[in-house]
């Protein structure tokens, strides 16, 4: 592996050395430097653009060219005549200043080549063809090659370190702006321009009064031949593995016209390539944003979904997935836009995981545990959203959205524990929710703007849990405490739960624009919520009858019937002042809280008032360089399940007892962000530091009987703290792009086990350097190395995990017919409980098409070439450290046929 990496780095260094530098200053006729002038060099032998650049604020440009070659130097600037000159390179660098002449004609200057990157106001425009080399098949492949743009492991897009919140195609939302569906499905050959919209405002009327500095959106401009026609592709394929037959069917069809658009995405496969995984679908909020998002109040409705084990990088022993999704938009006239989407996803996943768990403090008497768990998950999720936007004029806009979600899911687990023996568990849930959103924006005049936002959520969750324990002796003490009947073959424990949530969230905003440097914003808002929680615990006996046990603790309460009401009425004010490069935004919000719960004839009520401050200062050094300091105080409230005083089984070895007396918790949050994107030398820098401390944080008191934990909750008087720092530096050198990502996290929190308090400290650091090339003709390579260290001080035990993970990705477009892609990753993790663990994954594919415009493409694809059986993962939680082995799919070989429409 070291030899391979050495050869790759040597090749990259050789390519970088075989370059000469052409540099100079672009000025106008009176000698003033011209910023953002476009400079490009076109190779006269190949007739291709070899290098390009954009001048900085001093008019300076730098191009990297090959030695001993002839180029046409072309310089363009708005309002100036295009400059052209033939130059020849030798082995020496060249200094050349350029003077531009004013163009008094109205004729459009026709350029032979488009600039790869241009700037228009707050919009950064990438010409997609300038970065393609023929190996791209989907939007993700294009975005990864754009300077300043990243696609992370979750398929989400980041620009200059900021996550892109919305993606559009020709100005129309693509599945309500979901970025992963776009990156994985939009065909690359349909992409003409990628427009990055900085300071993006959802509502144009509010663009001048709201803070949109962190809002980034992307608009994909389609090629002319893709408009008013159906386009896309259909992929079908099959193959075999050592265990079963494989299949894949993926139709992707798109239609865009000025009045309406239709997107259809289908996916049917058992190759472990889901278009959307369960986590994506659970987080698919349809673009909803709560009106109270920056009020200072955080109210949790809890998460009563099944405790699904998460797949790792969409890998598992077996994955079958079905997806049918459609998105439409229709504009019958200029004032009205109607849109919506429907998604149905069905998946079945088999997982197997072996774990070795050691508890942090050996003096607590908790035995170490080895487990082998096999799980089958089934999930059917349906989403339907309809939206309407009515904008009769520039002063009025009304939006309405409704999103319905219905789910049917189950999880069947077989667990073998070295402590508790064999256990079979079954969980089922059929929740649904309806979310409605109504917004109205009204501009009275140039200085007075109003906005009304109202959101209503109705949600119903009904998880069912069943556990059958075969080893009665190992569970005897816990069963006795729960009041179970011991005269049975095994312990068959059941629990039904029902959580109903009904929440109304609204706010009315008024902005008064005082002058061109300042404005003041008043907010009147309300959050009104009710949650009802019912649960009952029962034992199924050998004769199929049921027993309602009476526990020997918690006052015999094993059921719940709890109603939780919450209200927050608040008045907020924010003042924004711009002074030179500084923008100051201090704010205050005054809240009147009232909340309480009723259970078992007892009513616990509380009400109080609180003022929450916030502050932001932004320093805009240049248009593309800024530093932002933020402070906010947040008031956090828990959900109904933590207030319920009856016993709740999270699972058979985790028992929860709520506390109806729980209070709110306050957190102080301070963050510092730095961003810089320099188009002159294509250097992208992003750094952030965030500090938070929690006061009266809700913590758990954990008591163990063997490895079975019982948690109760209380407001801790001890302060918990965390510091997170992230940095990314990216620089392009000709055709080579270098990136360094770093992340640091330090946390200190208090835990309480067996009645003892201990302070846990964790320090995590990750370094990921990366080099990648972007040649138009030659093959491209991407080399990365991730080095991570995780230090933990927990109770009486210190642990340290170290991860070394190099990876290489290679792609080549051969003879303009074959596309070869391969990627390899190696992972080695230290194990405090034993010797280091390692695994490696290698994938490859080879495809053929007659030329770039060919309709048919034939592909053979192999995943997990080395037939790796499992991958390892080491880590820790607040009470233990663990080493786990996670089993994955075997070697897959599939043949695929793709037809371009």
Foldseek 3Di string as FASTA:
>chain_A
DVVVVVVVVVVVVVVLLQKAKEKEFEEEPVRQGDFQKKKWKAFPVVRHTQWIFTAHNRRMFMTIHGAFTKIWIWIDDPQWDIDTDIDTHHSYHHYDYHYTYGDPDPDDDDDPDDGQWHDDPQKIKGFQVVQDQQQFFAQLVSQCRDFQWDQDLQRFIDGLNATADAEEEPPHGDLLRDRLLRRVFHTSQFFGMKMKGALDDPAPVCSQPDRSRRHIYIYTYTDPVQAQDKWGWWKWWWFDDPPGTWIWTWGWIWYHYPFKIKTKIKIWIWPLDDSDDPVRVVPPPSNDDFPCNPVQEAEDADDPDAPDDDDDSSWAAIKTKIKIKMKMWGHPDPFKIKIKMKIKMKMKGKWWKWKWWDWFDVVQVFDTKIKIKIKIKIKIKIKIKIKMWGHPDSFKIKIKMKMKMWMWMKMWMWMAMPQQGIKIKIKIKIKMKMKMKIKMKGDPDPFKIKIKIKMKMKIKMKMKMKMWGQRCVSCVVVCQQQQHDSPANTWIKIKIKMKIKIKMWIKMKMKGAPDSFKIKMKMKIKIKMKMWMWMAMWTQGPVRDIGRGQGPDLNRFAIWTKMKIKMKTKMKMWMWGDDVQKIKIKMKMKIWIKMWMDIPRDIDIDIDIDMKIKIKMKGPPDPFKIKMKIKTKHKYDYHDVQLTQHWDPSDPQEIEGHNRPADIKMKIKIKMWIWGADSSFSKTKIKMKMKMKMAQDKAWAWEDDRRRIYTYIGRDRDMKMKMKMKIKIWTDSSFKIKMKIKIWMWIWDWHHYPRDIDIKIKIKMKIKIKMWGRDNAAKIKIKIWIWMWIWMDADPHTDIKIKIKIKMWIWHCPPQFKIKIKMKMKMWMQDPVDGIDIDMWIWIKMKGAPHSPGFKMKMKIKTRPVQTFWGWDWDDDNTITMIMTIGGYGIIIMIMMMGID
